Amino acid sequence: MYYVKKRIEISAAHQLQLSYPSKCTQLHGHNWIITVECRAKELNEDGMVVDFTEIKRKVMELLDHKIINDVLPFNPTAENIARWVVESVPNGWRCEVQESEGNIAIYEREEE
C-alpha cells in the first residue's frame, strides 16, 4: 500500500447550526490546518497515489478565504469538513481538520 500526506493551511470562516446555545452559532473564523492522507494499492500511470497539487487545488480553491457555509451544503463542523475532504480528494483515506490549537476532528474512510 502506498500513502501520501498533504498539510494545507487555510483561513476561512463558518457559522454552525447547533441544537444548543453556543457562541459558535455566530459567524467566526479560523486559521485551519487540514492534513489529508491518500492511499492506493497501485500507483497511477505517473507513479503517484495522487498529485499533491490536485489535493491542494481541491481544498484551497474552494475553502481558502471563504465563508464555508456559502460553499459547502452541510453544517460546516470540523467533523463534516474532514469527511467532505476525504470524499472529494482522489484516493482520500483520512483527514484531520484542526480549527484551533486544541481542537482537531478526524475522519477515516472505513476499509472497503
PDB file of N, CA and C in Angstrom:
ATOM      1  N   MET A   1       0.858  -1.178   0.000  1.00  0.00           N
ATOM      2  CA  MET A   1       0.000   0.000   0.000  1.00  0.00           C
ATOM      3  C   MET A   1       0.898   1.235   0.000  1.00  0.00           C
ATOM      4  N   TYR A   2       0.538   2.211  -0.802  1.00  0.00           N
ATOM      5  CA  TYR A   2       1.247   3.486  -0.870  1.00  0.00           C
ATOM      6  C   TYR A   2       0.417   4.545  -0.154  1.00  0.00           C
ATOM      7  N   TYR A   3       1.114   5.451   0.540  1.00  0.00           N
ATOM      8  CA  TYR A   3       0.452   6.522   1.267  1.00  0.00           C
ATOM      9  C   TYR A   3       1.113   7.855   0.942  1.00  0.00           C
ATOM     10  N   VAL A   4       0.321   8.914   0.853  1.00  0.00           N
ATOM     11  CA  VAL A   4       0.837  10.273   0.785  1.00  0.00           C
ATOM     12  C   VAL A   4       0.056  11.127   1.781  1.00  0.00           C
ATOM     13  N   LYS A   5       0.698  12.177   2.243  1.00  0.00           N
ATOM     14  CA  LYS A   5       0.069  13.084   3.202  1.00  0.00           C
ATOM     15  C   LYS A   5       0.361  14.507   2.765  1.00  0.00           C
ATOM     16  N   LYS A   6      -0.666  15.351   2.766  1.00  0.00           N
ATOM     17  CA  LYS A   6      -0.536  16.761   2.395  1.00  0.00           C
ATOM     18  C   LYS A   6      -1.108  17.617   3.506  1.00  0.00           C
ATOM     19  N   ARG A   7      -0.331  18.590   3.971  1.00  0.00           N
ATOM     20  CA  ARG A   7      -0.776  19.529   5.002  1.00  0.00           C
ATOM     21  C   ARG A   7      -1.069  20.854   4.327  1.00  0.00           C
ATOM     22  N   ILE A   8      -2.259  21.375   4.571  1.00  0.00           N
ATOM     23  CA  ILE A   8      -2.715  22.602   3.939  1.00  0.00           C
ATOM     24  C   ILE A   8      -3.180  23.560   5.028  1.00  0.00           C
ATOM     25  N   GLU A   9      -2.815  24.815   4.911  1.00  0.00           N
ATOM     26  CA  GLU A   9      -3.294  25.833   5.840  1.00  0.00           C
ATOM     27  C   GLU A   9      -4.208  26.782   5.081  1.00  0.00           C
ATOM     28  N   ILE A  10      -5.389  27.009   5.642  1.00  0.00           N
ATOM     29  CA  ILE A  10      -6.333  27.944   5.037  1.00  0.00           C
ATOM     30  C   ILE A  10      -6.865  28.894   6.107  1.00  0.00           C
ATOM     31  N   SER A  11      -7.362  30.011   5.654  1.00  0.00           N
ATOM     32  CA  SER A  11      -8.096  30.942   6.514  1.00  0.00           C
ATOM     33  C   SER A  11      -9.520  30.965   5.997  1.00  0.00           C
ATOM     34  N   ALA A  12     -10.470  30.703   6.872  1.00  0.00           N
ATOM     35  CA  ALA A  12     -11.866  30.657   6.445  1.00  0.00           C
ATOM     36  C   ALA A  12     -12.767  30.864   7.655  1.00  0.00           C
ATOM     37  N   ALA A  13     -13.990  31.276   7.357  1.00  0.00           N
ATOM     38  CA  ALA A  13     -14.994  31.492   8.406  1.00  0.00           C
ATOM     39  C   ALA A  13     -16.107  30.473   8.266  1.00  0.00           C
ATOM     40  N   HIS A  14     -16.807  30.243   9.358  1.00  0.00           N
ATOM     41  CA  HIS A  14     -18.013  29.408   9.328  1.00  0.00           C
ATOM     42  C   HIS A  14     -18.939  29.815  10.459  1.00  0.00           C
ATOM     43  N   GLN A  15     -20.147  29.339  10.350  1.00  0.00           N
ATOM     44  CA  GLN A  15     -21.179  29.598  11.345  1.00  0.00           C
ATOM     45  C   GLN A  15     -21.917  28.275  11.526  1.00  0.00           C
ATOM     46  N   LEU A  16     -21.911  27.750  12.735  1.00  0.00           N
ATOM     47  CA  LEU A  16     -22.516  26.442  12.977  1.00  0.00           C
ATOM     48  C   LEU A  16     -23.996  26.550  13.328  1.00  0.00           C
ATOM     49  N   GLN A  17     -24.745  25.582  12.893  1.00  0.00           N
ATOM     50  CA  GLN A  17     -26.152  25.436  13.271  1.00  0.00           C
ATOM     51  C   GLN A  17     -26.189  24.364  14.356  1.00  0.00           C
ATOM     52  N   LEU A  18     -26.486  24.760  15.585  1.00  0.00           N
ATOM     53  CA  LEU A  18     -26.420  23.841  16.719  1.00  0.00           C
ATOM     54  C   LEU A  18     -27.761  23.753  17.434  1.00  0.00           C
ATOM     55  N   SER A  19     -27.951  22.646  18.136  1.00  0.00           N
ATOM     56  CA  SER A  19     -29.199  22.417  18.865  1.00  0.00           C
ATOM     57  C   SER A  19     -29.135  22.962  20.295  1.00  0.00           C
ATOM     58  N   TYR A  20     -28.082  23.689  20.622  1.00  0.00           N
ATOM     59  CA  TYR A  20     -27.898  24.252  21.956  1.00  0.00           C
ATOM     60  C   TYR A  20     -27.252  25.628  21.820  1.00  0.00           C
ATOM     61  N   PRO A  21     -27.376  26.479  22.825  1.00  0.00           N
ATOM     62  CA  PRO A  21     -26.765  27.810  22.758  1.00  0.00           C
ATOM     63  C   PRO A  21     -25.234  27.718  22.721  1.00  0.00           C
ATOM     64  N   SER A  22     -24.631  28.448  21.811  1.00  0.00           N
ATOM     65  CA  SER A  22     -23.172  28.428  21.685  1.00  0.00           C
ATOM     66  C   SER A  22     -22.719  29.666  20.933  1.00  0.00           C
ATOM     67  N   LYS A  23     -21.565  30.199  21.302  1.00  0.00           N
ATOM     68  CA  LYS A  23     -21.019  31.325  20.563  1.00  0.00           C
ATOM     69  C   LYS A  23     -20.634  30.930  19.145  1.00  0.00           C
ATOM     70  N   CYS A  24     -20.499  29.640  18.876  1.00  0.00           N
ATOM     71  CA  CYS A  24     -20.125  29.160  17.533  1.00  0.00           C
ATOM     72  C   CYS A  24     -21.259  29.274  16.524  1.00  0.00           C
ATOM     73  N   THR A  25     -22.447  29.669  16.981  1.00  0.00           N
ATOM     74  CA  THR A  25     -23.538  29.913  16.032  1.00  0.00           C
ATOM     75  C   THR A  25     -23.388  31.287  15.373  1.00  0.00           C
ATOM     76  N   GLN A  26     -22.451  32.074  15.877  1.00  0.00           N
ATOM     77  CA  GLN A  26     -22.128  33.368  15.259  1.00  0.00           C
ATOM     78  C   GLN A  26     -21.025  33.142  14.216  1.00  0.00           C
ATOM     79  N   LEU A  27     -21.042  33.937  13.167  1.00  0.00           N
ATOM     80  CA  LEU A  27     -20.005  33.847  12.152  1.00  0.00           C
ATOM     81  C   LEU A  27     -18.652  34.146  12.790  1.00  0.00           C
ATOM     82  N   HIS A  28     -17.689  33.246  12.576  1.00  0.00           N
ATOM     83  CA  HIS A  28     -16.351  33.405  13.138  1.00  0.00           C
ATOM     84  C   HIS A  28     -15.348  32.681  12.244  1.00  0.00           C
ATOM     85  N   GLY A  29     -14.084  33.005  12.386  1.00  0.00           N
ATOM     86  CA  GLY A  29     -13.070  32.430  11.515  1.00  0.00           C
ATOM     87  C   GLY A  29     -11.985  31.687  12.259  1.00  0.00           C
ATOM     88  N   HIS A  30     -11.252  30.902  11.481  1.00  0.00           N
ATOM     89  CA  HIS A  30     -10.120  30.132  11.999  1.00  0.00           C
ATOM     90  C   HIS A  30      -9.006  30.164  10.970  1.00  0.00           C
ATOM     91  N   ASN A  31      -7.800  29.917  11.440  1.00  0.00           N
ATOM     92  CA  ASN A  31      -6.696  29.555  10.564  1.00  0.00           C
ATOM     93  C   ASN A  31      -6.594  28.034  10.683  1.00  0.00           C
ATOM     94  N   TRP A  32      -7.216  27.368   9.728  1.00  0.00           N
ATOM     95  CA  TRP A  32      -7.362  25.912   9.745  1.00  0.00           C
ATOM     96  C   TRP A  32      -6.093  25.237   9.258  1.00  0.00           C
ATOM     97  N   ILE A  33      -5.797  24.085   9.828  1.00  0.00           N
ATOM     98  CA  ILE A  33      -4.761  23.212   9.295  1.00  0.00           C
ATOM     99  C   ILE A  33      -5.456  21.909   8.923  1.00  0.00           C
ATOM    100  N   ILE A  34      -5.407  21.592   7.652  1.00  0.00           N
ATOM    101  CA  ILE A  34      -6.075  20.399   7.138  1.00  0.00           C
ATOM    102  C   ILE A  34      -4.993  19.448   6.634  1.00  0.00           C
ATOM    103  N   THR A  35      -4.949  18.266   7.222  1.00  0.00           N
ATOM    104  CA  THR A  35      -3.985  17.250   6.816  1.00  0.00           C
ATOM    105  C   THR A  35      -4.742  16.129   6.122  1.00  0.00           C
ATOM    106  N   VAL A  36      -4.425  15.951   4.849  1.00  0.00           N
ATOM    107  CA  VAL A  36      -5.119  14.979   4.013  1.00  0.00           C
ATOM    108  C   VAL A  36      -4.195  13.793   3.773  1.00  0.00           C
ATOM    109  N   GLU A  37      -4.726  12.592   3.946  1.00  0.00           N
ATOM    110  CA  GLU A  37      -3.964  11.383   3.658  1.00  0.00           C
ATOM    111  C   GLU A  37      -4.687  10.595   2.579  1.00  0.00           C
ATOM    112  N   CYS A  38      -3.903  10.137   1.601  1.00  0.00           N
ATOM    113  CA  CYS A  38      -4.436   9.343   0.494  1.00  0.00           C
ATOM    114  C   CYS A  38      -3.653   8.041   0.431  1.00  0.00           C
ATOM    115  N   ARG A  39      -4.279   7.005  -0.129  1.00  0.00           N
ATOM    116  CA  ARG A  39      -3.582   5.730  -0.252  1.00  0.00           C
ATOM    117  C   ARG A  39      -4.070   4.996  -1.493  1.00  0.00           C
ATOM    118  N   ALA A  40      -3.210   4.110  -1.965  1.00  0.00           N
ATOM    119  CA  ALA A  40      -3.564   3.308  -3.132  1.00  0.00           C
ATOM    120  C   ALA A  40      -2.716   2.038  -3.139  1.00  0.00           C
ATOM    121  N   LYS A  41      -3.301   0.957  -3.601  1.00  0.00           N
ATOM    122  CA  LYS A  41      -2.553  -0.297  -3.741  1.00  0.00           C
ATOM    123  C   LYS A  41      -1.595  -0.214  -4.924  1.00  0.00           C
ATOM    124  N   GLU A  42      -2.010   0.498  -5.949  1.00  0.00           N
ATOM    125  CA  GLU A  42      -1.192   0.659  -7.156  1.00  0.00           C
ATOM    126  C   GLU A  42      -1.014   2.142  -7.443  1.00  0.00           C
ATOM    127  N   LEU A  43       0.134   2.497  -7.977  1.00  0.00           N
ATOM    128  CA  LEU A  43       0.375   3.879  -8.372  1.00  0.00           C
ATOM    129  C   LEU A  43      -0.263   4.147  -9.723  1.00  0.00           C
ATOM    130  N   ASN A  44      -0.597   5.405  -9.988  1.00  0.00           N
ATOM    131  CA  ASN A  44      -1.177   5.759 -11.284  1.00  0.00           C
ATOM    132  C   ASN A  44      -0.088   5.740 -12.359  1.00  0.00           C
ATOM    133  N   GLU A  45      -0.457   6.071 -13.580  1.00  0.00           N
ATOM    134  CA  GLU A  45       0.489   6.000 -14.696  1.00  0.00           C
ATOM    135  C   GLU A  45       1.677   6.943 -14.538  1.00  0.00           C
ATOM    136  N   ASP A  46       1.544   7.934 -13.649  1.00  0.00           N
ATOM    137  CA  ASP A  46       2.637   8.865 -13.387  1.00  0.00           C
ATOM    138  C   ASP A  46       3.490   8.443 -12.189  1.00  0.00           C
ATOM    139  N   GLY A  47       3.167   7.299 -11.589  1.00  0.00           N
ATOM    140  CA  GLY A  47       3.918   6.821 -10.440  1.00  0.00           C
ATOM    141  C   GLY A  47       3.538   7.477  -9.136  1.00  0.00           C
ATOM    142  N   MET A  48       2.275   7.927  -9.047  1.00  0.00           N
ATOM    143  CA  MET A  48       1.807   8.629  -7.841  1.00  0.00           C
ATOM    144  C   MET A  48       0.516   8.009  -7.302  1.00  0.00           C
ATOM    145  N   VAL A  49       0.286   8.211  -6.015  1.00  0.00           N
ATOM    146  CA  VAL A  49      -1.032   7.928  -5.429  1.00  0.00           C
ATOM    147  C   VAL A  49      -1.992   8.998  -5.934  1.00  0.00           C
ATOM    148  N   VAL A  50      -1.600  10.238  -5.815  1.00  0.00           N
ATOM    149  CA  VAL A  50      -2.318  11.408  -6.325  1.00  0.00           C
ATOM    150  C   VAL A  50      -1.313  12.561  -6.322  1.00  0.00           C
ATOM    151  N   ASP A  51      -1.435  13.451  -7.249  1.00  0.00           N
ATOM    152  CA  ASP A  51      -0.539  14.603  -7.309  1.00  0.00           C
ATOM    153  C   ASP A  51      -0.852  15.539  -6.134  1.00  0.00           C
ATOM    154  N   PHE A  52       0.170  15.962  -5.405  1.00  0.00           N
ATOM    155  CA  PHE A  52      -0.035  16.865  -4.269  1.00  0.00           C
ATOM    156  C   PHE A  52      -0.756  18.146  -4.694  1.00  0.00           C
ATOM    157  N   THR A  53      -0.477  18.592  -5.908  1.00  0.00           N
ATOM    158  CA  THR A  53      -1.129  19.801  -6.418  1.00  0.00           C
ATOM    159  C   THR A  53      -2.632  19.610  -6.536  1.00  0.00           C
ATOM    160  N   GLU A  54      -3.070  18.410  -6.906  1.00  0.00           N
ATOM    161  CA  GLU A  54      -4.501  18.114  -7.017  1.00  0.00           C
ATOM    162  C   GLU A  54      -5.176  18.186  -5.644  1.00  0.00           C
ATOM    163  N   ILE A  55      -4.511  17.660  -4.627  1.00  0.00           N
ATOM    164  CA  ILE A  55      -5.056  17.729  -3.270  1.00  0.00           C
ATOM    165  C   ILE A  55      -5.218  19.192  -2.858  1.00  0.00           C
ATOM    166  N   LYS A  56      -4.161  19.973  -3.055  1.00  0.00           N
ATOM    167  CA  LYS A  56      -4.194  21.385  -2.677  1.00  0.00           C
ATOM    168  C   LYS A  56      -5.292  22.128  -3.422  1.00  0.00           C
ATOM    169  N   ARG A  57      -5.415  21.872  -4.721  1.00  0.00           N
ATOM    170  CA  ARG A  57      -6.426  22.548  -5.526  1.00  0.00           C
ATOM    171  C   ARG A  57      -7.832  22.237  -5.031  1.00  0.00           C
ATOM    172  N   LYS A  58      -8.114  20.975  -4.762  1.00  0.00           N
ATOM    173  CA  LYS A  58      -9.456  20.572  -4.325  1.00  0.00           C
ATOM    174  C   LYS A  58      -9.863  21.285  -3.038  1.00  0.00           C
ATOM    175  N   VAL A  59      -8.925  21.458  -2.130  1.00  0.00           N
ATOM    176  CA  VAL A  59      -9.252  22.028  -0.822  1.00  0.00           C
ATOM    177  C   VAL A  59      -9.122  23.556  -0.831  1.00  0.00           C
ATOM    178  N   MET A  60      -7.989  24.057  -1.245  1.00  0.00           N
ATOM    179  CA  MET A  60      -7.730  25.504  -1.140  1.00  0.00           C
ATOM    180  C   MET A  60      -8.623  26.341  -2.040  1.00  0.00           C
ATOM    181  N   GLU A  61      -8.799  25.926  -3.286  1.00  0.00           N
ATOM    182  CA  GLU A  61      -9.592  26.749  -4.200  1.00  0.00           C
ATOM    183  C   GLU A  61     -11.026  26.920  -3.722  1.00  0.00           C
ATOM    184  N   LEU A  62     -11.543  25.909  -3.059  1.00  0.00           N
ATOM    185  CA  LEU A  62     -12.934  26.002  -2.625  1.00  0.00           C
ATOM    186  C   LEU A  62     -13.084  26.674  -1.255  1.00  0.00           C
ATOM    187  N   LEU A  63     -12.121  26.453  -0.349  1.00  0.00           N
ATOM    188  CA  LEU A  63     -12.316  26.883   1.035  1.00  0.00           C
ATOM    189  C   LEU A  63     -11.496  28.085   1.494  1.00  0.00           C
ATOM    190  N   ASP A  64     -10.313  28.306   0.922  1.00  0.00           N
ATOM    191  CA  ASP A  64      -9.432  29.341   1.454  1.00  0.00           C
ATOM    192  C   ASP A  64     -10.010  30.742   1.254  1.00  0.00           C
ATOM    193  N   HIS A  65     -10.025  31.519   2.332  1.00  0.00           N
ATOM    194  CA  HIS A  65     -10.562  32.879   2.364  1.00  0.00           C
ATOM    195  C   HIS A  65     -12.030  32.932   1.923  1.00  0.00           C
ATOM    196  N   LYS A  66     -12.795  31.955   2.378  1.00  0.00           N
ATOM    197  CA  LYS A  66     -14.222  31.881   2.068  1.00  0.00           C
ATOM    198  C   LYS A  66     -15.014  31.766   3.362  1.00  0.00           C
ATOM    199  N   ILE A  67     -16.313  31.987   3.232  1.00  0.00           N
ATOM    200  CA  ILE A  67     -17.253  31.617   4.290  1.00  0.00           C
ATOM    201  C   ILE A  67     -17.713  30.219   3.912  1.00  0.00           C
ATOM    202  N   ILE A  68     -17.309  29.248   4.692  1.00  0.00           N
ATOM    203  CA  ILE A  68     -17.521  27.845   4.327  1.00  0.00           C
ATOM    204  C   ILE A  68     -19.001  27.527   4.146  1.00  0.00           C
ATOM    205  N   ASN A  69     -19.863  28.162   4.911  1.00  0.00           N
ATOM    206  CA  ASN A  69     -21.309  27.947   4.761  1.00  0.00           C
ATOM    207  C   ASN A  69     -21.787  28.262   3.349  1.00  0.00           C
ATOM    208  N   ASP A  70     -21.108  29.194   2.672  1.00  0.00           N
ATOM    209  CA  ASP A  70     -21.517  29.598   1.321  1.00  0.00           C
ATOM    210  C   ASP A  70     -21.094  28.611   0.246  1.00  0.00           C
ATOM    211  N   VAL A  71     -20.145  27.711   0.555  1.00  0.00           N
ATOM    212  CA  VAL A  71     -19.627  26.814  -0.480  1.00  0.00           C
ATOM    213  C   VAL A  71     -19.870  25.331  -0.223  1.00  0.00           C
ATOM    214  N   LEU A  72     -20.189  24.956   0.996  1.00  0.00           N
ATOM    215  CA  LEU A  72     -20.468  23.543   1.293  1.00  0.00           C
ATOM    216  C   LEU A  72     -21.915  23.390   1.735  1.00  0.00           C
ATOM    217  N   PRO A  73     -22.598  22.341   1.279  1.00  0.00           N
ATOM    218  CA  PRO A  73     -24.041  22.201   1.523  1.00  0.00           C
ATOM    219  C   PRO A  73     -24.413  21.473   2.818  1.00  0.00           C
ATOM    220  N   PHE A  74     -23.637  21.660   3.870  1.00  0.00           N
ATOM    221  CA  PHE A  74     -23.934  20.996   5.142  1.00  0.00           C
ATOM    222  C   PHE A  74     -23.440  21.871   6.290  1.00  0.00           C
ATOM    223  N   ASN A  75     -23.821  21.506   7.502  1.00  0.00           N
ATOM    224  CA  ASN A  75     -23.358  22.221   8.689  1.00  0.00           C
ATOM    225  C   ASN A  75     -21.832  22.060   8.766  1.00  0.00           C
ATOM    226  N   PRO A  76     -21.070  23.141   8.629  1.00  0.00           N
ATOM    227  CA  PRO A  76     -19.619  23.025   8.471  1.00  0.00           C
ATOM    228  C   PRO A  76     -18.838  22.824   9.770  1.00  0.00           C
ATOM    229  N   THR A  77     -19.165  21.756  10.466  1.00  0.00           N
ATOM    230  CA  THR A  77     -18.367  21.373  11.621  1.00  0.00           C
ATOM    231  C   THR A  77     -17.032  20.827  11.116  1.00  0.00           C
ATOM    232  N   ALA A  78     -16.034  20.792  11.975  1.00  0.00           N
ATOM    233  CA  ALA A  78     -14.738  20.234  11.584  1.00  0.00           C
ATOM    234  C   ALA A  78     -14.894  18.768  11.164  1.00  0.00           C
ATOM    235  N   GLU A  79     -15.783  18.039  11.842  1.00  0.00           N
ATOM    236  CA  GLU A  79     -16.010  16.631  11.505  1.00  0.00           C
ATOM    237  C   GLU A  79     -16.575  16.483  10.091  1.00  0.00           C
ATOM    238  N   ASN A  80     -17.576  17.303   9.767  1.00  0.00           N
ATOM    239  CA  ASN A  80     -18.180  17.236   8.436  1.00  0.00           C
ATOM    240  C   ASN A  80     -17.204  17.676   7.350  1.00  0.00           C
ATOM    241  N   ILE A  81     -16.380  18.659   7.651  1.00  0.00           N
ATOM    242  CA  ILE A  81     -15.389  19.103   6.679  1.00  0.00           C
ATOM    243  C   ILE A  81     -14.367  17.993   6.422  1.00  0.00           C
ATOM    244  N   ALA A  82     -13.930  17.315   7.472  1.00  0.00           N
ATOM    245  CA  ALA A  82     -12.980  16.210   7.311  1.00  0.00           C
ATOM    246  C   ALA A  82     -13.560  15.124   6.404  1.00  0.00           C
ATOM    247  N   ARG A  83     -14.811  14.768   6.601  1.00  0.00           N
ATOM    248  CA  ARG A  83     -15.454  13.748   5.746  1.00  0.00           C
ATOM    249  C   ARG A  83     -15.527  14.233   4.302  1.00  0.00           C
ATOM    250  N   TRP A  84     -15.910  15.494   4.101  1.00  0.00           N
ATOM    251  CA  TRP A  84     -16.011  16.051   2.759  1.00  0.00           C
ATOM    252  C   TRP A  84     -14.667  15.999   2.035  1.00  0.00           C
ATOM    253  N   VAL A  85     -13.590  16.343   2.745  1.00  0.00           N
ATOM    254  CA  VAL A  85     -12.259  16.311   2.130  1.00  0.00           C
ATOM    255  C   VAL A  85     -11.923  14.900   1.664  1.00  0.00           C
ATOM    256  N   VAL A  86     -12.120  13.915   2.527  1.00  0.00           N
ATOM    257  CA  VAL A  86     -11.813  12.526   2.157  1.00  0.00           C
ATOM    258  C   VAL A  86     -12.612  12.108   0.930  1.00  0.00           C
ATOM    259  N   GLU A  87     -13.871  12.491   0.879  1.00  0.00           N
ATOM    260  CA  GLU A  87     -14.724  12.100  -0.247  1.00  0.00           C
ATOM    261  C   GLU A  87     -14.418  12.894  -1.518  1.00  0.00           C
ATOM    262  N   SER A  88     -13.757  14.033  -1.409  1.00  0.00           N
ATOM    263  CA  SER A  88     -13.508  14.907  -2.553  1.00  0.00           C
ATOM    264  C   SER A  88     -12.144  14.704  -3.213  1.00  0.00           C
ATOM    265  N   VAL A  89     -11.189  14.219  -2.460  1.00  0.00           N
ATOM    266  CA  VAL A  89      -9.819  14.097  -2.964  1.00  0.00           C
ATOM    267  C   VAL A  89      -9.606  12.683  -3.514  1.00  0.00           C
ATOM    268  N   PRO A  90      -8.999  12.561  -4.687  1.00  0.00           N
ATOM    269  CA  PRO A  90      -8.731  11.230  -5.242  1.00  0.00           C
ATOM    270  C   PRO A  90      -7.934  10.358  -4.266  1.00  0.00           C
ATOM    271  N   ASN A  91      -8.401   9.150  -4.057  1.00  0.00           N
ATOM    272  CA  ASN A  91      -7.780   8.186  -3.139  1.00  0.00           C
ATOM    273  C   ASN A  91      -7.745   8.670  -1.691  1.00  0.00           C
ATOM    274  N   GLY A  92      -8.645   9.613  -1.354  1.00  0.00           N
ATOM    275  CA  GLY A  92      -8.712  10.110   0.013  1.00  0.00           C
ATOM    276  C   GLY A  92      -9.011   8.975   0.976  1.00  0.00           C
ATOM    277  N   TRP A  93      -8.310   8.983   2.103  1.00  0.00           N
ATOM    278  CA  TRP A  93      -8.484   7.922   3.085  1.00  0.00           C
ATOM    279  C   TRP A  93      -8.719   8.476   4.489  1.00  0.00           C
ATOM    280  N   ARG A  94      -7.984   9.532   4.846  1.00  0.00           N
ATOM    281  CA  ARG A  94      -8.056  10.058   6.212  1.00  0.00           C
ATOM    282  C   ARG A  94      -7.815  11.559   6.156  1.00  0.00           C
ATOM    283  N   CYS A  95      -8.484  12.285   7.046  1.00  0.00           N
ATOM    284  CA  CYS A  95      -8.283  13.735   7.099  1.00  0.00           C
ATOM    285  C   CYS A  95      -8.392  14.218   8.538  1.00  0.00           C
ATOM    286  N   GLU A  96      -7.462  15.089   8.909  1.00  0.00           N
ATOM    287  CA  GLU A  96      -7.517  15.794  10.187  1.00  0.00           C
ATOM    288  C   GLU A  96      -7.801  17.251   9.892  1.00  0.00           C
ATOM    289  N   VAL A  97      -8.779  17.791  10.574  1.00  0.00           N
ATOM    290  CA  VAL A  97      -9.111  19.203  10.438  1.00  0.00           C
ATOM    291  C   VAL A  97      -8.894  19.852  11.795  1.00  0.00           C
ATOM    292  N   GLN A  98      -7.917  20.747  11.854  1.00  0.00           N
ATOM    293  CA  GLN A  98      -7.609  21.472  13.082  1.00  0.00           C
ATOM    294  C   GLN A  98      -8.108  22.895  12.915  1.00  0.00           C
ATOM    295  N   GLU A  99      -9.106  23.254  13.733  1.00  0.00           N
ATOM    296  CA  GLU A  99      -9.665  24.598  13.606  1.00  0.00           C
ATOM    297  C   GLU A  99      -9.076  25.570  14.614  1.00  0.00           C
ATOM    298  N   SER A 100      -8.434  25.051  15.640  1.00  0.00           N
ATOM    299  CA  SER A 100      -7.721  25.884  16.608  1.00  0.00           C
ATOM    300  C   SER A 100      -6.692  25.004  17.307  1.00  0.00           C
ATOM    301  N   GLU A 101      -5.872  25.588  18.119  1.00  0.00           N
ATOM    302  CA  GLU A 101      -4.745  24.875  18.718  1.00  0.00           C
ATOM    303  C   GLU A 101      -5.139  23.543  19.352  1.00  0.00           C
ATOM    304  N   GLY A 102      -6.225  23.511  20.071  1.00  0.00           N
ATOM    305  CA  GLY A 102      -6.581  22.295  20.794  1.00  0.00           C
ATOM    306  C   GLY A 102      -7.749  21.516  20.229  1.00  0.00           C
ATOM    307  N   ASN A 103      -8.272  21.900  19.060  1.00  0.00           N
ATOM    308  CA  ASN A 103      -9.471  21.260  18.516  1.00  0.00           C
ATOM    309  C   ASN A 103      -9.196  20.636  17.155  1.00  0.00           C
ATOM    310  N   ILE A 104      -9.195  19.313  17.129  1.00  0.00           N
ATOM    311  CA  ILE A 104      -8.927  18.568  15.903  1.00  0.00           C
ATOM    312  C   ILE A 104     -10.012  17.519  15.725  1.00  0.00           C
ATOM    313  N   ALA A 105     -10.557  17.446  14.510  1.00  0.00           N
ATOM    314  CA  ALA A 105     -11.520  16.402  14.162  1.00  0.00           C
ATOM    315  C   ALA A 105     -10.886  15.518  13.093  1.00  0.00           C
ATOM    316  N   ILE A 106     -11.158  14.226  13.170  1.00  0.00           N
ATOM    317  CA  ILE A 106     -10.577  13.264  12.238  1.00  0.00           C
ATOM    318  C   ILE A 106     -11.686  12.434  11.609  1.00  0.00           C
ATOM    319  N   TYR A 107     -11.588  12.256  10.296  1.00  0.00           N
ATOM    320  CA  TYR A 107     -12.462  11.314   9.586  1.00  0.00           C
ATOM    321  C   TYR A 107     -11.572  10.335   8.852  1.00  0.00           C
ATOM    322  N   GLU A 108     -11.908   9.061   8.961  1.00  0.00           N
ATOM    323  CA  GLU A 108     -11.154   7.998   8.303  1.00  0.00           C
ATOM    324  C   GLU A 108     -12.150   7.108   7.575  1.00  0.00           C
ATOM    325  N   ARG A 109     -11.901   6.915   6.274  1.00  0.00           N
ATOM    326  CA  ARG A 109     -12.756   6.032   5.478  1.00  0.00           C
ATOM    327  C   ARG A 109     -12.623   4.609   5.993  1.00  0.00           C
ATOM    328  N   GLU A 110     -13.739   3.918   6.119  1.00  0.00           N
ATOM    329  CA  GLU A 110     -13.691   2.516   6.574  1.00  0.00           C
ATOM    330  C   GLU A 110     -13.062   1.648   5.502  1.00  0.00           C
ATOM    331  N   GLU A 111     -12.464   0.565   5.941  1.00  0.00           N
ATOM    332  CA  GLU A 111     -11.860  -0.388   5.000  1.00  0.00           C
ATOM    333  C   GLU A 111     -12.930  -0.894   4.057  1.00  0.00           C
ATOM    334  N   GLU A 112     -12.562  -1.014   2.800  1.00  0.00           N
ATOM    335  CA  GLU A 112     -13.540  -1.494   1.808  1.00  0.00           C
ATOM    336  C   GLU A 112     -13.336  -2.945   1.516  1.00  0.00           C
TER     337      GLU A 112
END
